[in-house]
Every structure is written in C-alpha cells, then in structure tokens.
C-alpha cells in the first residue's frame, strides 16, 4: 500500500458553478427604468413571463393605461394575426404589467383588457418548450445582450428533425420586431436592464470590477435559428 505524505497535499476548494459571485441581494433598482412584463397562461395552470425594461428620461410613472396600450398593440395588427394560429388553444397572452424600478418598492400596474387565446387546433407543446429571441445592443459581451423565451406554441410548428417550422420563425420574428415601436409609443426606450454588481475574482483568477446599475438600448431583436429552446421552470414537475 503506497504511503502519501500529508504535507505534500494541496488543499482543494470546491466551486459552485451555479452561483453568481457578483450578485447583490435585494430588489432590482435601475435608474429611469420600468420593468415591462408579458404574462402568459399555459396549459395545466402554469404561467410564463417575459421580463424586459423600458427607459425614460426622468422618473418613471407607469400607468394602467400604458400597460393596456402595450397589451392591445401586441395583440392586434398583422404580426399578431399571423402568430395567433400558431399558439395552442390552451395558451393565452393574458396581460402586461409595468413597475418602476427607479427606486425599490414601487407598485405593479396591470393592463385591463381581456386575454388573447391561441387558435391552433393542434396539441400544445410542453410548457417548457419555447423559441428564443435574441436582443442585441451596440455593445458586445453577455451583459449587453438579452433573450426572450416565447412559450405556448402548438405541435404543428414542430417539423421533422425537431426544428421550428419556417413560417413560425417568420411570424415570431415579425411580432418581436414590433416591440421597439410599441414601447416607444408609450414613451419607453427598449433597453437591456443592468442591475448593480459587486467586484469579484473569477474561478480562473480574472478580476471583474464592480458595475453600477444602468441600461443599454436594444438595437435589434431577432430569431437567430430554428432550434427549440426550453425554460425548465415552466415544466410540469
């Protein structure tokens, strides 16, 4: 049996790859910004949310009227008319909520109109299945990009090879493309919201400096490919 000298052993430090060493606790606070949330009802009583941000020049004061105007614009017009038959009948775009995050503890205001329900006769895809839209800005790096996972599609958008049907990719792309003007009509510049982060040293020794809260305008939103994505928290388990 070999003998191992204890004074030659090197201490091992476990690294939790799921932790975020730069994260700060507490509520989201981003100057001059409003949180814009799309709310979806899925099958089996599940819900899904798309969280985005809009920026104003001063202190935000969102109203139910603004939330309803955004919801109404999202669920009318040619882009929505093309998308609606691709959404499962067990899916509905239920509401839009707004909340100022300029300071902590601000109230949520909600749209007032009725939910818009999908009309596809096909079975719904699993709740966790989604199509990802990529949000780009004028800057590079993970903190300057965003993603929206759009749920609720029906099985007739699934083609052989487990890819998204081309018509679905086009319809989703056209719908997402309208967000900029819809938000702008209510006085909001669509942005990537960046919460404050503390300085930390990465697992490879790289020093990441502290970052103040801020926002970066979204320059484009695209469906990059025809691959299905998933959000496991929306699943049935």
Protein backbone atom coordinates (compact mmCIF):
# COMPACT_ATOMS: atom_id res chain seq x y z
CA UNK A 1 0.00 0.00 0.00
CA UNK A 2 1.53 3.36 -1.00
CA UNK A 3 2.22 5.99 1.64
CA UNK A 4 1.10 9.57 0.92
CA UNK A 5 2.81 12.47 2.68
CA UNK A 6 0.16 14.78 4.08
CA UNK A 7 2.47 17.82 3.85
CA UNK A 8 2.57 17.37 0.04
CA UNK A 9 -1.20 17.54 -0.43
CA UNK A 10 -2.72 20.69 -1.90
CA UNK A 11 -5.99 21.99 -0.48
CA UNK A 12 -8.94 21.70 -2.84
CA UNK A 13 -11.62 24.38 -2.87
CA UNK A 14 -15.00 23.41 -4.30
CA UNK A 15 -16.54 25.83 -6.78
CA UNK A 16 -20.29 26.16 -7.20
CA UNK A 17 -20.71 26.81 -10.92
CA UNK A 18 -24.34 27.83 -10.42
CA UNK A 19 -23.54 30.66 -8.02
CA UNK A 20 -23.03 34.26 -9.14
CA UNK A 21 -20.23 35.83 -7.07
CA UNK A 22 -21.02 39.33 -8.36
CA UNK A 23 -24.71 39.27 -7.50
CA UNK A 24 -26.05 41.70 -4.92
CA UNK A 25 -29.08 40.85 -2.83
CA UNK A 26 -32.22 42.94 -2.62
CA UNK A 27 -34.76 44.31 -5.10
CA UNK A 28 -33.96 45.29 -8.68
CA UNK A 29 -33.14 49.01 -8.94
CA UNK A 30 -32.19 50.51 -12.32
CA UNK A 31 -32.25 54.31 -12.77
CA UNK A 32 -35.01 55.75 -15.00
CA UNK A 33 -36.32 52.30 -15.93
CA UNK A 34 -39.61 50.45 -15.88
CA UNK A 35 -39.93 46.67 -15.82
CA UNK A 36 -42.20 45.54 -18.67
CA UNK A 37 -43.55 42.02 -18.16
CA UNK A 38 -45.54 39.91 -20.62
CA UNK A 39 -47.69 37.34 -18.80
CA UNK A 40 -48.79 34.07 -20.42
CA UNK A 41 -51.25 31.42 -19.27
CA UNK A 42 -50.14 27.93 -20.28
CA UNK A 43 -51.77 24.52 -20.00
CA UNK A 44 -52.33 22.80 -16.63
CA UNK A 45 -52.49 26.15 -14.84
CA UNK A 46 -48.87 27.06 -15.48
CA UNK A 47 -47.76 30.62 -16.18
CA UNK A 48 -44.82 32.13 -18.04
CA UNK A 49 -43.33 35.61 -18.04
CA UNK A 50 -41.10 37.63 -20.37
CA UNK A 51 -39.32 40.36 -18.38
CA UNK A 52 -37.99 43.39 -20.25
CA UNK A 53 -37.13 47.01 -19.48
CA UNK A 54 -38.04 50.41 -20.84
CA UNK A 55 -36.22 53.66 -20.06
CA UNK A 56 -37.48 57.23 -19.77
CA UNK A 57 -35.56 60.50 -19.45
CA UNK A 58 -36.86 61.28 -15.95
CA UNK A 59 -38.54 59.45 -13.10
CA UNK A 60 -40.90 56.77 -14.46
CA UNK A 61 -44.59 56.87 -13.56
CA UNK A 62 -46.20 53.89 -15.33
CA UNK A 63 -50.00 53.72 -15.52
CA UNK A 64 -52.59 51.01 -16.23
CA UNK A 65 -53.40 52.93 -19.41
CA UNK A 66 -49.83 52.48 -20.67
CA UNK A 67 -49.88 48.79 -19.77
CA UNK A 68 -53.16 48.31 -21.62
CA UNK A 69 -51.94 50.24 -24.65
CA UNK A 70 -48.90 47.95 -24.86
CA UNK A 71 -51.04 44.81 -24.45
CA UNK A 72 -53.52 45.97 -27.06
CA UNK A 73 -50.81 46.85 -29.58
CA UNK A 74 -49.13 43.47 -29.05
CA UNK A 75 -52.36 41.56 -29.68
CA UNK A 76 -53.67 43.41 -32.74
CA UNK A 77 -52.36 44.00 -36.23
CA UNK A 78 -50.87 41.82 -38.93
CA UNK A 79 -48.00 40.40 -36.85
CA UNK A 80 -50.33 39.10 -34.12
CA UNK A 81 -52.87 37.86 -36.67
CA UNK A 82 -50.12 35.71 -38.22
CA UNK A 83 -48.91 34.43 -34.84
CA UNK A 84 -52.26 33.63 -33.20
CA UNK A 85 -53.00 30.46 -35.26
CA UNK A 86 -49.61 29.08 -34.19
CA UNK A 87 -50.37 29.35 -30.48
CA UNK A 88 -52.10 26.42 -28.77
CA UNK A 89 -55.73 26.87 -27.74
CA UNK A 90 -54.63 26.17 -24.14
CA UNK A 91 -52.31 29.20 -24.30
CA UNK A 92 -53.22 32.83 -23.84
CA UNK A 93 -51.34 36.11 -23.73
CA UNK A 94 -53.01 37.27 -20.54
CA UNK A 95 -51.67 40.70 -19.60
CA UNK A 96 -48.85 43.24 -19.45
CA UNK A 97 -47.60 44.59 -16.14
CA UNK A 98 -45.41 47.64 -15.54
CA UNK A 99 -43.39 48.55 -12.47
CA UNK A 100 -40.96 51.39 -11.93
CA UNK A 101 -37.56 50.12 -10.78
CA UNK A 102 -36.08 53.61 -10.50
CA UNK A 103 -36.39 53.08 -6.76
CA UNK A 104 -37.29 50.00 -4.76
CA UNK A 105 -40.77 49.08 -3.63
CA UNK A 106 -42.86 50.67 -6.39
CA UNK A 107 -46.33 49.23 -7.18
CA UNK A 108 -47.16 46.98 -10.13
CA UNK A 109 -49.73 48.30 -12.59
CA UNK A 110 -51.55 45.91 -14.91
CA UNK A 111 -53.30 46.06 -18.26
CA UNK A 112 -57.09 45.94 -18.16
CA UNK A 113 -58.07 44.13 -21.36
CA UNK A 114 -59.03 40.51 -21.85
CA UNK A 115 -56.55 37.73 -22.57
CA UNK A 116 -55.90 36.71 -26.18
CA UNK A 117 -56.12 32.93 -26.66
CA UNK A 118 -54.33 30.87 -29.31
CA UNK A 119 -56.37 29.25 -32.06
CA UNK A 120 -54.26 26.31 -33.29
CA UNK A 121 -56.21 23.02 -33.32
CA UNK A 122 -53.00 21.06 -32.65
CA UNK A 123 -51.84 19.86 -29.25
CA UNK A 124 -49.77 22.23 -27.17
CA UNK A 125 -46.05 21.60 -26.97
CA UNK A 126 -44.74 21.00 -23.43
CA UNK A 127 -44.89 24.14 -21.28
CA UNK A 128 -41.11 24.38 -21.01
CA UNK A 129 -40.60 24.42 -24.80
CA UNK A 130 -40.05 27.88 -26.29
CA UNK A 131 -38.48 29.79 -29.15
CA UNK A 132 -35.69 32.19 -28.18
CA UNK A 133 -35.47 35.74 -29.48
CA UNK A 134 -32.04 37.36 -29.10
CA UNK A 135 -31.81 41.04 -28.12
CA UNK A 136 -28.74 42.91 -29.36
CA UNK A 137 -27.28 46.29 -28.47
CA UNK A 138 -24.46 48.43 -29.81
CA UNK A 139 -22.05 46.72 -27.42
CA UNK A 140 -20.60 43.24 -27.03
CA UNK A 141 -20.41 40.91 -24.05
CA UNK A 142 -23.03 38.88 -22.17
CA UNK A 143 -24.24 41.83 -20.10
CA UNK A 144 -25.12 43.71 -23.30
CA UNK A 145 -27.32 41.00 -24.79
CA UNK A 146 -30.71 39.63 -23.81
CA UNK A 147 -33.05 36.76 -24.56
CA UNK A 148 -36.82 36.28 -24.59
CA UNK A 149 -38.22 32.74 -24.47
CA UNK A 150 -41.61 32.78 -26.17
CA UNK A 151 -43.89 29.96 -24.98
CA UNK A 152 -47.23 28.47 -25.92
CA UNK A 153 -46.67 27.18 -29.44
CA UNK A 154 -48.64 24.23 -30.79
CA UNK A 155 -47.27 20.97 -32.16
CA UNK A 156 -47.97 21.91 -35.79
CA UNK A 157 -44.91 24.21 -35.56
CA UNK A 158 -42.73 21.13 -34.98
CA UNK A 159 -41.15 19.73 -38.14
CA UNK A 160 -39.15 16.60 -38.85
CA UNK A 161 -35.69 16.90 -37.37
CA UNK A 162 -37.13 18.59 -34.27
CA UNK A 163 -36.89 22.07 -35.75
CA UNK A 164 -39.27 25.03 -35.78
CA UNK A 165 -41.36 25.46 -38.92
CA UNK A 166 -40.10 28.33 -41.13
CA UNK A 167 -43.48 30.09 -41.01
CA UNK A 168 -43.36 30.10 -37.22
CA UNK A 169 -39.86 31.55 -37.19
CA UNK A 170 -41.01 34.32 -39.53
CA UNK A 171 -44.20 35.06 -37.57
CA UNK A 172 -42.36 35.25 -34.24
CA UNK A 173 -39.62 37.41 -35.76
CA UNK A 174 -42.16 39.89 -37.14
CA UNK A 175 -44.01 40.05 -33.80
CA UNK A 176 -40.86 40.70 -31.77
CA UNK A 177 -39.71 43.28 -34.31
CA UNK A 178 -42.65 45.47 -33.32
CA UNK A 179 -41.74 45.76 -29.64
CA UNK A 180 -39.49 48.79 -30.17
CA UNK A 181 -42.22 50.96 -31.69
CA UNK A 182 -44.89 49.67 -29.28
CA UNK A 183 -42.80 50.60 -26.24
CA UNK A 184 -41.76 53.89 -27.84
CA UNK A 185 -45.40 54.88 -28.34
CA UNK A 186 -45.76 54.86 -24.54
CA UNK A 187 -42.57 56.87 -24.00
CA UNK A 188 -40.21 53.96 -23.31
CA UNK A 189 -36.90 53.21 -24.98
CA UNK A 190 -36.45 49.43 -25.05
CA UNK A 191 -33.28 48.61 -23.11
CA UNK A 192 -31.30 45.80 -21.52
CA UNK A 193 -31.58 46.46 -17.79
CA UNK A 194 -28.32 46.00 -15.90
CA UNK A 195 -28.50 45.66 -12.12
CA UNK A 196 -25.60 46.74 -9.93
CA UNK A 197 -22.92 44.11 -9.32
CA UNK A 198 -20.07 43.87 -6.85
CA UNK A 199 -16.44 43.27 -7.79
CA UNK A 200 -15.26 39.67 -7.68
CA UNK A 201 -12.45 37.40 -8.80
CA UNK A 202 -13.47 34.63 -11.18
CA UNK A 203 -12.54 30.96 -10.86
CA UNK A 204 -9.62 31.50 -13.28
CA UNK A 205 -8.29 34.50 -11.34
CA UNK A 206 -9.79 37.19 -13.59
CA UNK A 207 -10.76 40.35 -11.70
CA UNK A 208 -14.25 41.58 -12.56
CA UNK A 209 -14.77 45.19 -11.44
CA UNK A 210 -17.92 46.46 -9.76
CA UNK A 211 -20.69 47.74 -12.04
CA UNK A 212 -23.27 50.40 -11.29
CA UNK A 213 -26.86 49.82 -12.34
CA UNK A 214 -27.68 51.10 -15.82
CA UNK A 215 -29.28 50.26 -19.14
CA UNK A 216 -28.32 49.86 -22.80
CA UNK A 217 -30.75 50.43 -25.71
CA UNK A 218 -31.80 47.38 -27.70
CA UNK A 219 -30.76 47.83 -31.33
CA UNK A 220 -32.36 44.69 -32.78
CA UNK A 221 -34.36 41.61 -31.83
CA UNK A 222 -34.05 38.50 -33.98
CA UNK A 223 -34.94 34.80 -34.02
CA UNK A 224 -31.44 33.53 -34.78
CA UNK A 225 -32.25 29.93 -35.71
CA UNK A 226 -34.97 27.28 -35.95
CA UNK A 227 -33.92 25.36 -32.83
CA UNK A 228 -36.29 24.80 -29.92
CA UNK A 229 -35.22 26.10 -26.53
CA UNK A 230 -36.55 25.44 -23.06
CA UNK A 231 -37.23 27.02 -19.70
CA UNK A 232 -37.34 24.17 -17.21
CA UNK A 233 -39.12 26.18 -14.52
CA UNK A 234 -42.20 26.27 -16.78
CA UNK A 235 -42.42 22.47 -16.89
CA UNK A 236 -44.97 20.27 -15.18
CA UNK A 237 -42.62 18.91 -12.50
